[in-house]
């Protein structure tokens, strides 16, 4: 699903993209992501943002392959900094420009701790 990103005009947020474990590796995640991004672009969004945890490495690889770039990496989980530190699970932000020809986000400073570049 995609919704307007709070406080970011022209930006949508990709939310809750999930594929049943039995169907992973068959391209459904890639096709779902493309369709949501097409819808967002057709709806006038200029950019898409998403947040995922650093343990979701397959998802991060999928988003990077779609042109997303890591714009914030290894941030503590909101309101759960101690839990992030204890579990070593952090949140990263990825962004994608929807209107530029290269279909990539040009405006962000890319940060890549942990090999997420």
PDB file of N, CA and C in Angstrom:
ATOM      1  N   UNK A   1       0.848  -1.181   0.000  1.00  0.00           N
ATOM      2  CA  UNK A   1       0.000   0.000   0.000  1.00  0.00           C
ATOM      3  C   UNK A   1       0.883   1.231   0.000  1.00  0.00           C
ATOM      4  N   UNK A   2       0.331   2.308  -0.478  1.00  0.00           N
ATOM      5  CA  UNK A   2       1.030   3.593  -0.450  1.00  0.00           C
ATOM      6  C   UNK A   2       0.074   4.638   0.099  1.00  0.00           C
ATOM      7  N   UNK A   3       0.618   5.550   0.872  1.00  0.00           N
ATOM      8  CA  UNK A   3      -0.176   6.660   1.386  1.00  0.00           C
ATOM      9  C   UNK A   3       0.699   7.898   1.370  1.00  0.00           C
ATOM     10  N   UNK A   4       0.060   9.065   1.506  1.00  0.00           N
ATOM     11  CA  UNK A   4       0.820  10.306   1.556  1.00  0.00           C
ATOM     12  C   UNK A   4       1.765  10.266   2.745  1.00  0.00           C
ATOM     13  N   UNK A   5       3.002  10.652   2.517  1.00  0.00           N
ATOM     14  CA  UNK A   5       3.995  10.682   3.601  1.00  0.00           C
ATOM     15  C   UNK A   5       3.748  11.927   4.439  1.00  0.00           C
ATOM     16  N   UNK A   6       3.578  11.747   5.718  1.00  0.00           N
ATOM     17  CA  UNK A   6       3.255  12.843   6.626  1.00  0.00           C
ATOM     18  C   UNK A   6       4.327  13.920   6.597  1.00  0.00           C
ATOM     19  N   UNK A   7       3.894  15.155   6.356  1.00  0.00           N
ATOM     20  CA  UNK A   7       4.807  16.293   6.369  1.00  0.00           C
ATOM     21  C   UNK A   7       5.740  16.378   5.182  1.00  0.00           C
ATOM     22  N   UNK A   8       5.476  15.596   4.116  1.00  0.00           N
ATOM     23  CA  UNK A   8       6.347  15.593   2.938  1.00  0.00           C
ATOM     24  C   UNK A   8       5.481  15.719   1.686  1.00  0.00           C
ATOM     25  N   UNK A   9       5.114  16.946   1.295  1.00  0.00           N
ATOM     26  CA  UNK A   9       4.252  17.141   0.124  1.00  0.00           C
ATOM     27  C   UNK A   9       4.847  16.502  -1.128  1.00  0.00           C
ATOM     28  N   UNK A  10       4.012  15.845  -1.908  1.00  0.00           N
ATOM     29  CA  UNK A  10       4.451  15.203  -3.142  1.00  0.00           C
ATOM     30  C   UNK A  10       5.149  13.872  -2.937  1.00  0.00           C
ATOM     31  N   UNK A  11       5.160  13.404  -1.712  1.00  0.00           N
ATOM     32  CA  UNK A  11       5.852  12.162  -1.383  1.00  0.00           C
ATOM     33  C   UNK A  11       4.858  11.145  -0.832  1.00  0.00           C
ATOM     34  N   UNK A  12       4.954   9.924  -1.297  1.00  0.00           N
ATOM     35  CA  UNK A  12       4.133   8.859  -0.727  1.00  0.00           C
ATOM     36  C   UNK A  12       5.035   7.923   0.075  1.00  0.00           C
ATOM     37  N   UNK A  13       4.405   7.164   0.954  1.00  0.00           N
ATOM     38  CA  UNK A  13       5.143   6.196   1.760  1.00  0.00           C
ATOM     39  C   UNK A  13       4.660   4.800   1.407  1.00  0.00           C
ATOM     40  N   UNK A  14       5.587   3.930   1.044  1.00  0.00           N
ATOM     41  CA  UNK A  14       5.276   2.534   0.767  1.00  0.00           C
ATOM     42  C   UNK A  14       5.164   1.811   2.106  1.00  0.00           C
ATOM     43  N   UNK A  15       4.037   1.127   2.305  1.00  0.00           N
ATOM     44  CA  UNK A  15       3.747   0.478   3.586  1.00  0.00           C
ATOM     45  C   UNK A  15       3.376  -0.979   3.400  1.00  0.00           C
ATOM     46  N   UNK A  16       3.772  -1.798   4.326  1.00  0.00           N
ATOM     47  CA  UNK A  16       3.276  -3.160   4.498  1.00  0.00           C
ATOM     48  C   UNK A  16       3.283  -4.018   3.231  1.00  0.00           C
ATOM     49  N   UNK A  17       4.370  -3.996   2.520  1.00  0.00           N
ATOM     50  CA  UNK A  17       4.506  -4.882   1.372  1.00  0.00           C
ATOM     51  C   UNK A  17       5.012  -6.223   1.873  1.00  0.00           C
ATOM     52  N   UNK A  18       4.238  -7.259   1.657  1.00  0.00           N
ATOM     53  CA  UNK A  18       4.610  -8.577   2.170  1.00  0.00           C
ATOM     54  C   UNK A  18       4.183  -9.647   1.182  1.00  0.00           C
ATOM     55  N   UNK A  19       5.009 -10.646   1.056  1.00  0.00           N
ATOM     56  CA  UNK A  19       4.713 -11.793   0.196  1.00  0.00           C
ATOM     57  C   UNK A  19       4.777 -13.041   1.068  1.00  0.00           C
ATOM     58  N   UNK A  20       3.795 -13.902   0.945  1.00  0.00           N
ATOM     59  CA  UNK A  20       3.760 -15.155   1.695  1.00  0.00           C
ATOM     60  C   UNK A  20       5.080 -15.899   1.501  1.00  0.00           C
ATOM     61  N   UNK A  21       5.597 -16.461   2.581  1.00  0.00           N
ATOM     62  CA  UNK A  21       6.892 -17.160   2.529  1.00  0.00           C
ATOM     63  C   UNK A  21       6.940 -18.213   1.424  1.00  0.00           C
ATOM     64  N   UNK A  22       5.839 -18.878   1.189  1.00  0.00           N
ATOM     65  CA  UNK A  22       5.815 -19.945   0.171  1.00  0.00           C
ATOM     66  C   UNK A  22       5.946 -19.395  -1.244  1.00  0.00           C
ATOM     67  N   UNK A  23       5.715 -18.094  -1.418  1.00  0.00           N
ATOM     68  CA  UNK A  23       5.745 -17.492  -2.754  1.00  0.00           C
ATOM     69  C   UNK A  23       6.940 -16.573  -2.964  1.00  0.00           C
ATOM     70  N   UNK A  24       7.820 -16.502  -1.997  1.00  0.00           N
ATOM     71  CA  UNK A  24       8.987 -15.630  -2.129  1.00  0.00           C
ATOM     72  C   UNK A  24       9.969 -16.203  -3.142  1.00  0.00           C
ATOM     73  N   UNK A  25      10.665 -15.300  -3.813  1.00  0.00           N
ATOM     74  CA  UNK A  25      11.637 -15.709  -4.813  1.00  0.00           C
ATOM     75  C   UNK A  25      11.033 -15.923  -6.194  1.00  0.00           C
ATOM     76  N   UNK A  26       9.736 -15.647  -6.341  1.00  0.00           N
ATOM     77  CA  UNK A  26       9.051 -15.854  -7.622  1.00  0.00           C
ATOM     78  C   UNK A  26       8.765 -14.545  -8.359  1.00  0.00           C
ATOM     79  N   UNK A  27       9.245 -13.424  -7.828  1.00  0.00           N
ATOM     80  CA  UNK A  27       9.066 -12.135  -8.496  1.00  0.00           C
ATOM     81  C   UNK A  27       7.823 -11.367  -8.084  1.00  0.00           C
ATOM     82  N   UNK A  28       7.046 -11.897  -7.146  1.00  0.00           N
ATOM     83  CA  UNK A  28       5.828 -11.196  -6.734  1.00  0.00           C
ATOM     84  C   UNK A  28       6.143  -9.878  -6.035  1.00  0.00           C
ATOM     85  N   UNK A  29       7.152  -9.863  -5.184  1.00  0.00           N
ATOM     86  CA  UNK A  29       7.531  -8.632  -4.491  1.00  0.00           C
ATOM     87  C   UNK A  29       7.944  -7.553  -5.469  1.00  0.00           C
ATOM     88  N   UNK A  30       8.727  -7.920  -6.468  1.00  0.00           N
ATOM     89  CA  UNK A  30       9.168  -6.964  -7.490  1.00  0.00           C
ATOM     90  C   UNK A  30       7.966  -6.409  -8.251  1.00  0.00           C
ATOM     91  N   UNK A  31       7.052  -7.291  -8.658  1.00  0.00           N
ATOM     92  CA  UNK A  31       5.877  -6.840  -9.416  1.00  0.00           C
ATOM     93  C   UNK A  31       4.947  -5.987  -8.558  1.00  0.00           C
ATOM     94  N   UNK A  32       4.747  -6.367  -7.294  1.00  0.00           N
ATOM     95  CA  UNK A  32       3.910  -5.556  -6.403  1.00  0.00           C
ATOM     96  C   UNK A  32       4.514  -4.171  -6.194  1.00  0.00           C
ATOM     97  N   UNK A  33       5.819  -4.135  -5.968  1.00  0.00           N
ATOM     98  CA  UNK A  33       6.487  -2.849  -5.777  1.00  0.00           C
ATOM     99  C   UNK A  33       6.336  -1.976  -7.015  1.00  0.00           C
ATOM    100  N   UNK A  34       6.567  -2.535  -8.178  1.00  0.00           N
ATOM    101  CA  UNK A  34       6.419  -1.764  -9.433  1.00  0.00           C
ATOM    102  C   UNK A  34       5.012  -1.215  -9.587  1.00  0.00           C
ATOM    103  N   UNK A  35       4.010  -2.039  -9.280  1.00  0.00           N
ATOM    104  CA  UNK A  35       2.626  -1.593  -9.447  1.00  0.00           C
ATOM    105  C   UNK A  35       2.289  -0.453  -8.490  1.00  0.00           C
ATOM    106  N   UNK A  36       2.721  -0.567  -7.242  1.00  0.00           N
ATOM    107  CA  UNK A  36       2.479   0.505  -6.274  1.00  0.00           C
ATOM    108  C   UNK A  36       3.181   1.787  -6.726  1.00  0.00           C
ATOM    109  N   UNK A  37       4.401   1.676  -7.230  1.00  0.00           N
ATOM    110  CA  UNK A  37       5.136   2.853  -7.699  1.00  0.00           C
ATOM    111  C   UNK A  37       4.474   3.466  -8.932  1.00  0.00           C
ATOM    112  N   UNK A  38       3.952   2.637  -9.832  1.00  0.00           N
ATOM    113  CA  UNK A  38       3.204   3.156 -10.986  1.00  0.00           C
ATOM    114  C   UNK A  38       1.982   3.935 -10.522  1.00  0.00           C
ATOM    115  N   UNK A  39       1.245   3.366  -9.568  1.00  0.00           N
ATOM    116  CA  UNK A  39       0.064   4.034  -9.028  1.00  0.00           C
ATOM    117  C   UNK A  39       0.444   5.372  -8.400  1.00  0.00           C
ATOM    118  N   UNK A  40       1.505   5.388  -7.624  1.00  0.00           N
ATOM    119  CA  UNK A  40       1.955   6.619  -6.967  1.00  0.00           C
ATOM    120  C   UNK A  40       2.340   7.669  -8.010  1.00  0.00           C
ATOM    121  N   UNK A  41       3.067   7.250  -9.030  1.00  0.00           N
ATOM    122  CA  UNK A  41       3.483   8.165 -10.102  1.00  0.00           C
ATOM    123  C   UNK A  41       2.256   8.727 -10.823  1.00  0.00           C
ATOM    124  N   UNK A  42       1.311   7.853 -11.156  1.00  0.00           N
ATOM    125  CA  UNK A  42       0.085   8.282 -11.844  1.00  0.00           C
ATOM    126  C   UNK A  42      -0.761   9.203 -10.967  1.00  0.00           C
ATOM    127  N   UNK A  43      -0.617   9.085  -9.663  1.00  0.00           N
ATOM    128  CA  UNK A  43      -1.365   9.921  -8.718  1.00  0.00           C
ATOM    129  C   UNK A  43      -0.673  11.256  -8.462  1.00  0.00           C
ATOM    130  N   UNK A  44       0.474  11.482  -9.105  1.00  0.00           N
ATOM    131  CA  UNK A  44       1.164  12.758  -8.991  1.00  0.00           C
ATOM    132  C   UNK A  44       2.263  12.826  -7.954  1.00  0.00           C
ATOM    133  N   UNK A  45       2.598  11.716  -7.345  1.00  0.00           N
ATOM    134  CA  UNK A  45       3.694  11.729  -6.371  1.00  0.00           C
ATOM    135  C   UNK A  45       5.026  11.884  -7.089  1.00  0.00           C
ATOM    136  N   UNK A  46       5.893  12.689  -6.510  1.00  0.00           N
ATOM    137  CA  UNK A  46       7.222  12.910  -7.090  1.00  0.00           C
ATOM    138  C   UNK A  46       8.280  12.021  -6.468  1.00  0.00           C
ATOM    139  N   UNK A  47       7.956  11.467  -5.293  1.00  0.00           N
ATOM    140  CA  UNK A  47       8.945  10.706  -4.558  1.00  0.00           C
ATOM    141  C   UNK A  47       8.236   9.658  -3.705  1.00  0.00           C
ATOM    142  N   UNK A  48       8.952   8.568  -3.413  1.00  0.00           N
ATOM    143  CA  UNK A  48       8.425   7.527  -2.534  1.00  0.00           C
ATOM    144  C   UNK A  48       9.466   7.249  -1.458  1.00  0.00           C
ATOM    145  N   UNK A  49       8.995   7.107  -0.238  1.00  0.00           N
ATOM    146  CA  UNK A  49       9.861   6.795   0.896  1.00  0.00           C
ATOM    147  C   UNK A  49       9.348   5.527   1.550  1.00  0.00           C
ATOM    148  N   UNK A  50      10.239   4.757   2.127  1.00  0.00           N
ATOM    149  CA  UNK A  50       9.821   3.602   2.924  1.00  0.00           C
ATOM    150  C   UNK A  50      10.810   3.419   4.050  1.00  0.00           C
ATOM    151  N   UNK A  51      10.330   2.757   5.081  1.00  0.00           N
ATOM    152  CA  UNK A  51      11.146   2.461   6.256  1.00  0.00           C
ATOM    153  C   UNK A  51      11.084   0.964   6.478  1.00  0.00           C
ATOM    154  N   UNK A  52      12.223   0.362   6.737  1.00  0.00           N
ATOM    155  CA  UNK A  52      12.270  -1.064   7.017  1.00  0.00           C
ATOM    156  C   UNK A  52      13.364  -1.324   8.041  1.00  0.00           C
ATOM    157  N   UNK A  53      13.307  -2.479   8.645  1.00  0.00           N
ATOM    158  CA  UNK A  53      14.337  -2.790   9.643  1.00  0.00           C
ATOM    159  C   UNK A  53      15.545  -3.407   8.950  1.00  0.00           C
ATOM    160  N   UNK A  54      16.678  -3.274   9.608  1.00  0.00           N
ATOM    161  CA  UNK A  54      17.919  -3.776   9.034  1.00  0.00           C
ATOM    162  C   UNK A  54      17.954  -5.301   8.949  1.00  0.00           C
ATOM    163  N   UNK A  55      17.045  -5.995   9.632  1.00  0.00           N
ATOM    164  CA  UNK A  55      16.997  -7.458   9.511  1.00  0.00           C
ATOM    165  C   UNK A  55      16.293  -7.895   8.231  1.00  0.00           C
ATOM    166  N   UNK A  56      15.631  -6.996   7.567  1.00  0.00           N
ATOM    167  CA  UNK A  56      14.900  -7.322   6.345  1.00  0.00           C
ATOM    168  C   UNK A  56      15.814  -7.214   5.113  1.00  0.00           C
ATOM    169  N   UNK A  57      16.924  -7.913   5.144  1.00  0.00           N
ATOM    170  CA  UNK A  57      17.898  -7.816   4.053  1.00  0.00           C
ATOM    171  C   UNK A  57      17.323  -8.198   2.683  1.00  0.00           C
ATOM    172  N   UNK A  58      16.521  -9.256   2.553  1.00  0.00           N
ATOM    173  CA  UNK A  58      15.936  -9.539   1.233  1.00  0.00           C
ATOM    174  C   UNK A  58      15.066  -8.381   0.727  1.00  0.00           C
ATOM    175  N   UNK A  59      14.301  -7.757   1.620  1.00  0.00           N
ATOM    176  CA  UNK A  59      13.469  -6.617   1.223  1.00  0.00           C
ATOM    177  C   UNK A  59      14.344  -5.438   0.808  1.00  0.00           C
ATOM    178  N   UNK A  60      15.396  -5.176   1.562  1.00  0.00           N
ATOM    179  CA  UNK A  60      16.293  -4.068   1.223  1.00  0.00           C
ATOM    180  C   UNK A  60      16.918  -4.308  -0.147  1.00  0.00           C
ATOM    181  N   UNK A  61      17.347  -5.530  -0.421  1.00  0.00           N
ATOM    182  CA  UNK A  61      17.914  -5.849  -1.747  1.00  0.00           C
ATOM    183  C   UNK A  61      16.875  -5.634  -2.852  1.00  0.00           C
ATOM    184  N   UNK A  62      15.632  -6.022  -2.600  1.00  0.00           N
ATOM    185  CA  UNK A  62      14.550  -5.817  -3.578  1.00  0.00           C
ATOM    186  C   UNK A  62      14.384  -4.330  -3.869  1.00  0.00           C
ATOM    187  N   UNK A  63      14.319  -3.509  -2.817  1.00  0.00           N
ATOM    188  CA  UNK A  63      14.113  -2.072  -3.010  1.00  0.00           C
ATOM    189  C   UNK A  63      15.307  -1.427  -3.710  1.00  0.00           C
ATOM    190  N   UNK A  64      16.520  -1.821  -3.349  1.00  0.00           N
ATOM    191  CA  UNK A  64      17.696  -1.269  -4.032  1.00  0.00           C
ATOM    192  C   UNK A  64      17.678  -1.632  -5.511  1.00  0.00           C
ATOM    193  N   UNK A  65      17.265  -2.849  -5.837  1.00  0.00           N
ATOM    194  CA  UNK A  65      17.181  -3.276  -7.239  1.00  0.00           C
ATOM    195  C   UNK A  65      16.125  -2.483  -8.007  1.00  0.00           C
ATOM    196  N   UNK A  66      15.131  -1.940  -7.297  1.00  0.00           N
ATOM    197  CA  UNK A  66      14.081  -1.130  -7.928  1.00  0.00           C
ATOM    198  C   UNK A  66      14.521   0.323  -8.092  1.00  0.00           C
ATOM    199  N   UNK A  67      15.699   0.662  -7.600  1.00  0.00           N
ATOM    200  CA  UNK A  67      16.212   2.024  -7.747  1.00  0.00           C
ATOM    201  C   UNK A  67      16.189   2.853  -6.478  1.00  0.00           C
ATOM    202  N   UNK A  68      15.645   2.330  -5.392  1.00  0.00           N
ATOM    203  CA  UNK A  68      15.661   3.059  -4.125  1.00  0.00           C
ATOM    204  C   UNK A  68      17.100   3.236  -3.667  1.00  0.00           C
ATOM    205  N   UNK A  69      17.318   4.278  -2.885  1.00  0.00           N
ATOM    206  CA  UNK A  69      18.623   4.545  -2.292  1.00  0.00           C
ATOM    207  C   UNK A  69      18.443   4.686  -0.787  1.00  0.00           C
ATOM    208  N   UNK A  70      19.395   4.164  -0.031  1.00  0.00           N
ATOM    209  CA  UNK A  70      19.365   4.315   1.422  1.00  0.00           C
ATOM    210  C   UNK A  70      19.701   5.769   1.730  1.00  0.00           C
ATOM    211  N   UNK A  71      18.797   6.453   2.438  1.00  0.00           N
ATOM    212  CA  UNK A  71      19.019   7.859   2.772  1.00  0.00           C
ATOM    213  C   UNK A  71      19.282   8.048   4.257  1.00  0.00           C
ATOM    214  N   UNK A  72      18.869   7.120   5.084  1.00  0.00           N
ATOM    215  CA  UNK A  72      19.229   7.084   6.511  1.00  0.00           C
ATOM    216  C   UNK A  72      19.379   5.622   6.880  1.00  0.00           C
ATOM    217  N   UNK A  73      20.482   5.296   7.494  1.00  0.00           N
ATOM    218  CA  UNK A  73      20.791   3.905   7.796  1.00  0.00           C
ATOM    219  C   UNK A  73      21.055   3.736   9.282  1.00  0.00           C
ATOM    220  N   UNK A  74      20.564   2.652   9.829  1.00  0.00           N
ATOM    221  CA  UNK A  74      20.851   2.249  11.208  1.00  0.00           C
ATOM    222  C   UNK A  74      20.399   3.263  12.243  1.00  0.00           C
ATOM    223  N   UNK A  75      19.177   3.762  12.100  1.00  0.00           N
ATOM    224  CA  UNK A  75      18.576   4.626  13.114  1.00  0.00           C
ATOM    225  C   UNK A  75      17.888   3.733  14.146  1.00  0.00           C
ATOM    226  N   UNK A  76      17.943   4.085  15.424  1.00  0.00           N
ATOM    227  CA  UNK A  76      17.210   3.291  16.425  1.00  0.00           C
ATOM    228  C   UNK A  76      15.716   3.295  16.106  1.00  0.00           C
ATOM    229  N   UNK A  77      15.026   2.228  16.468  1.00  0.00           N
ATOM    230  CA  UNK A  77      13.581   2.168  16.262  1.00  0.00           C
ATOM    231  C   UNK A  77      12.933   3.305  17.042  1.00  0.00           C
ATOM    232  N   UNK A  78      11.962   4.013  16.438  1.00  0.00           N
ATOM    233  CA  UNK A  78      11.325   5.137  17.139  1.00  0.00           C
ATOM    234  C   UNK A  78      10.800   4.715  18.509  1.00  0.00           C
ATOM    235  N   UNK A  79      11.146   5.492  19.516  1.00  0.00           N
ATOM    236  CA  UNK A  79      10.721   5.281  20.906  1.00  0.00           C
ATOM    237  C   UNK A  79      11.224   3.968  21.498  1.00  0.00           C
ATOM    238  N   UNK A  80      12.133   3.279  20.814  1.00  0.00           N
ATOM    239  CA  UNK A  80      12.640   1.992  21.306  1.00  0.00           C
ATOM    240  C   UNK A  80      14.159   1.906  21.174  1.00  0.00           C
ATOM    241  N   UNK A  81      14.846   2.984  21.469  1.00  0.00           N
ATOM    242  CA  UNK A  81      16.299   3.035  21.277  1.00  0.00           C
ATOM    243  C   UNK A  81      17.020   1.946  22.060  1.00  0.00           C
ATOM    244  N   UNK A  82      16.620   1.717  23.290  1.00  0.00           N
ATOM    245  CA  UNK A  82      17.278   0.689  24.097  1.00  0.00           C
ATOM    246  C   UNK A  82      17.065  -0.694  23.486  1.00  0.00           C
ATOM    247  N   UNK A  83      15.841  -0.972  23.038  1.00  0.00           N
ATOM    248  CA  UNK A  83      15.552  -2.253  22.391  1.00  0.00           C
ATOM    249  C   UNK A  83      16.385  -2.415  21.116  1.00  0.00           C
ATOM    250  N   UNK A  84      16.517  -1.347  20.331  1.00  0.00           N
ATOM    251  CA  UNK A  84      17.360  -1.401  19.134  1.00  0.00           C
ATOM    252  C   UNK A  84      18.787  -1.769  19.493  1.00  0.00           C
ATOM    253  N   UNK A  85      19.291  -1.139  20.536  1.00  0.00           N
ATOM    254  CA  UNK A  85      20.669  -1.391  20.946  1.00  0.00           C
ATOM    255  C   UNK A  85      20.840  -2.837  21.424  1.00  0.00           C
ATOM    256  N   UNK A  86      19.892  -3.345  22.212  1.00  0.00           N
ATOM    257  CA  UNK A  86      19.986  -4.705  22.756  1.00  0.00           C
ATOM    258  C   UNK A  86      19.843  -5.761  21.657  1.00  0.00           C
ATOM    259  N   UNK A  87      18.920  -5.542  20.729  1.00  0.00           N
ATOM    260  CA  UNK A  87      18.645  -6.546  19.693  1.00  0.00           C
ATOM    261  C   UNK A  87      19.480  -6.353  18.430  1.00  0.00           C
ATOM    262  N   UNK A  88      20.127  -5.188  18.318  1.00  0.00           N
ATOM    263  CA  UNK A  88      20.881  -4.834  17.117  1.00  0.00           C
ATOM    264  C   UNK A  88      19.967  -4.764  15.884  1.00  0.00           C
ATOM    265  N   UNK A  89      18.727  -4.325  16.088  1.00  0.00           N
ATOM    266  CA  UNK A  89      17.773  -4.129  14.997  1.00  0.00           C
ATOM    267  C   UNK A  89      17.508  -2.631  14.882  1.00  0.00           C
ATOM    268  N   UNK A  90      17.762  -2.102  13.717  1.00  0.00           N
ATOM    269  CA  UNK A  90      17.617  -0.677  13.476  1.00  0.00           C
ATOM    270  C   UNK A  90      16.706  -0.450  12.275  1.00  0.00           C
ATOM    271  N   UNK A  91      16.308   0.800  12.097  1.00  0.00           N
ATOM    272  CA  UNK A  91      15.434   1.181  10.992  1.00  0.00           C
ATOM    273  C   UNK A  91      16.268   1.923   9.960  1.00  0.00           C
ATOM    274  N   UNK A  92      16.012   1.647   8.694  1.00  0.00           N
ATOM    275  CA  UNK A  92      16.649   2.436   7.650  1.00  0.00           C
ATOM    276  C   UNK A  92      15.559   3.030   6.750  1.00  0.00           C
ATOM    277  N   UNK A  93      15.888   4.155   6.159  1.00  0.00           N
ATOM    278  CA  UNK A  93      14.981   4.871   5.269  1.00  0.00           C
ATOM    279  C   UNK A  93      15.523   4.748   3.853  1.00  0.00           C
ATOM    280  N   UNK A  94      14.635   4.447   2.910  1.00  0.00           N
ATOM    281  CA  UNK A  94      15.008   4.385   1.506  1.00  0.00           C
ATOM    282  C   UNK A  94      14.079   5.310   0.727  1.00  0.00           C
ATOM    283  N   UNK A  95      14.607   5.948  -0.322  1.00  0.00           N
ATOM    284  CA  UNK A  95      13.825   6.886  -1.134  1.00  0.00           C
ATOM    285  C   UNK A  95      14.050   6.616  -2.618  1.00  0.00           C
ATOM    286  N   UNK A  96      13.002   6.952  -3.372  1.00  0.00           N
ATOM    287  CA  UNK A  96      13.049   6.821  -4.827  1.00  0.00           C
ATOM    288  C   UNK A  96      12.329   8.004  -5.447  1.00  0.00           C
ATOM    289  N   UNK A  97      13.012   8.714  -6.367  1.00  0.00           N
ATOM    290  CA  UNK A  97      12.359   9.759  -7.141  1.00  0.00           C
ATOM    291  C   UNK A  97      11.507   9.104  -8.210  1.00  0.00           C
ATOM    292  N   UNK A  98      10.266   9.571  -8.358  1.00  0.00           N
ATOM    293  CA  UNK A  98       9.338   8.913  -9.287  1.00  0.00           C
ATOM    294  C   UNK A  98       9.234   9.595 -10.637  1.00  0.00           C
ATOM    295  N   UNK A  99       9.716  10.815 -10.767  1.00  0.00           N
ATOM    296  CA  UNK A  99       9.492  11.546 -12.008  1.00  0.00           C
ATOM    297  C   UNK A  99      10.725  11.724 -12.869  1.00  0.00           C
ATOM    298  N   UNK A 100      11.912  11.508 -12.316  1.00  0.00           N
ATOM    299  CA  UNK A 100      13.115  11.696 -13.122  1.00  0.00           C
ATOM    300  C   UNK A 100      13.338  10.488 -14.034  1.00  0.00           C
ATOM    301  N   UNK A 101      13.987  10.730 -15.143  1.00  0.00           N
ATOM    302  CA  UNK A 101      14.141   9.714 -16.186  1.00  0.00           C
ATOM    303  C   UNK A 101      14.855   8.462 -15.704  1.00  0.00           C
ATOM    304  N   UNK A 102      15.838   8.625 -14.812  1.00  0.00           N
ATOM    305  CA  UNK A 102      16.590   7.474 -14.341  1.00  0.00           C
ATOM    306  C   UNK A 102      15.881   6.682 -13.258  1.00  0.00           C
ATOM    307  N   UNK A 103      14.714   7.176 -12.819  1.00  0.00           N
ATOM    308  CA  UNK A 103      13.931   6.504 -11.789  1.00  0.00           C
ATOM    309  C   UNK A 103      14.741   6.257 -10.524  1.00  0.00           C
ATOM    310  N   UNK A 104      15.574   7.239 -10.172  1.00  0.00           N
ATOM    311  CA  UNK A 104      16.357   7.115  -8.945  1.00  0.00           C
ATOM    312  C   UNK A 104      16.266   8.413  -8.171  1.00  0.00           C
ATOM    313  N   UNK A 105      16.556   8.345  -6.900  1.00  0.00           N
ATOM    314  CA  UNK A 105      16.473   9.514  -6.050  1.00  0.00           C
ATOM    315  C   UNK A 105      17.795  10.256  -6.112  1.00  0.00           C
ATOM    316  N   UNK A 106      17.744  11.498  -6.616  1.00  0.00           N
ATOM    317  CA  UNK A 106      18.972  12.250  -6.838  1.00  0.00           C
ATOM    318  C   UNK A 106      19.342  13.168  -5.674  1.00  0.00           C
ATOM    319  N   UNK A 107      18.380  13.521  -4.815  1.00  0.00           N
ATOM    320  CA  UNK A 107      18.615  14.577  -3.865  1.00  0.00           C
ATOM    321  C   UNK A 107      19.161  14.162  -2.522  1.00  0.00           C
ATOM    322  N   UNK A 108      19.340  12.908  -2.264  1.00  0.00           N
ATOM    323  CA  UNK A 108      19.700  12.474  -0.910  1.00  0.00           C
ATOM    324  C   UNK A 108      21.192  12.219  -0.777  1.00  0.00           C
ATOM    325  N   UNK A 109      21.641  12.431   0.416  1.00  0.00           N
ATOM    326  CA  UNK A 109      22.992  12.016   0.782  1.00  0.00           C
ATOM    327  C   UNK A 109      22.878  10.551   1.166  1.00  0.00           C
ATOM    328  N   UNK A 110      23.539   9.686   0.456  1.00  0.00           N
ATOM    329  CA  UNK A 110      23.430   8.255   0.714  1.00  0.00           C
ATOM    330  C   UNK A 110      24.400   7.863   1.806  1.00  0.00           C
ATOM    331  N   UNK A 111      23.872   7.218   2.822  1.00  0.00           N
ATOM    332  CA  UNK A 111      24.664   6.756   3.957  1.00  0.00           C
ATOM    333  C   UNK A 111      24.596   5.249   3.961  1.00  0.00           C
ATOM    334  N   UNK A 112      25.697   4.572   4.126  1.00  0.00           N
ATOM    335  CA  UNK A 112      25.634   3.123   4.058  1.00  0.00           C
ATOM    336  C   UNK A 112      26.466   2.418   5.094  1.00  0.00           C
ATOM    337  N   UNK A 113      26.009   2.357   6.291  1.00  0.00           N
ATOM    338  CA  UNK A 113      26.690   1.579   7.310  1.00  0.00           C
ATOM    339  C   UNK A 113      26.134   0.168   7.237  1.00  0.00           C
ATOM    340  N   UNK A 114      26.936  -0.826   7.243  1.00  0.00           N
ATOM    341  CA  UNK A 114      26.448  -2.196   7.214  1.00  0.00           C
ATOM    342  C   UNK A 114      26.231  -2.730   5.818  1.00  0.00           C
ATOM    343  N   UNK A 115      26.794  -2.077   4.805  1.00  0.00           N
ATOM    344  CA  UNK A 115      26.721  -2.609   3.451  1.00  0.00           C
ATOM    345  C   UNK A 115      25.417  -2.405   2.740  1.00  0.00           C
ATOM    346  N   UNK A 116      24.602  -1.427   3.150  1.00  0.00           N
ATOM    347  CA  UNK A 116      23.298  -1.221   2.523  1.00  0.00           C
ATOM    348  C   UNK A 116      23.335  -0.296   1.338  1.00  0.00           C
ATOM    349  N   UNK A 117      24.518   0.094   0.863  1.00  0.00           N
ATOM    350  CA  UNK A 117      24.580   1.052  -0.244  1.00  0.00           C
ATOM    351  C   UNK A 117      24.111   0.446  -1.505  1.00  0.00           C
TER     352      UNK A 117
END
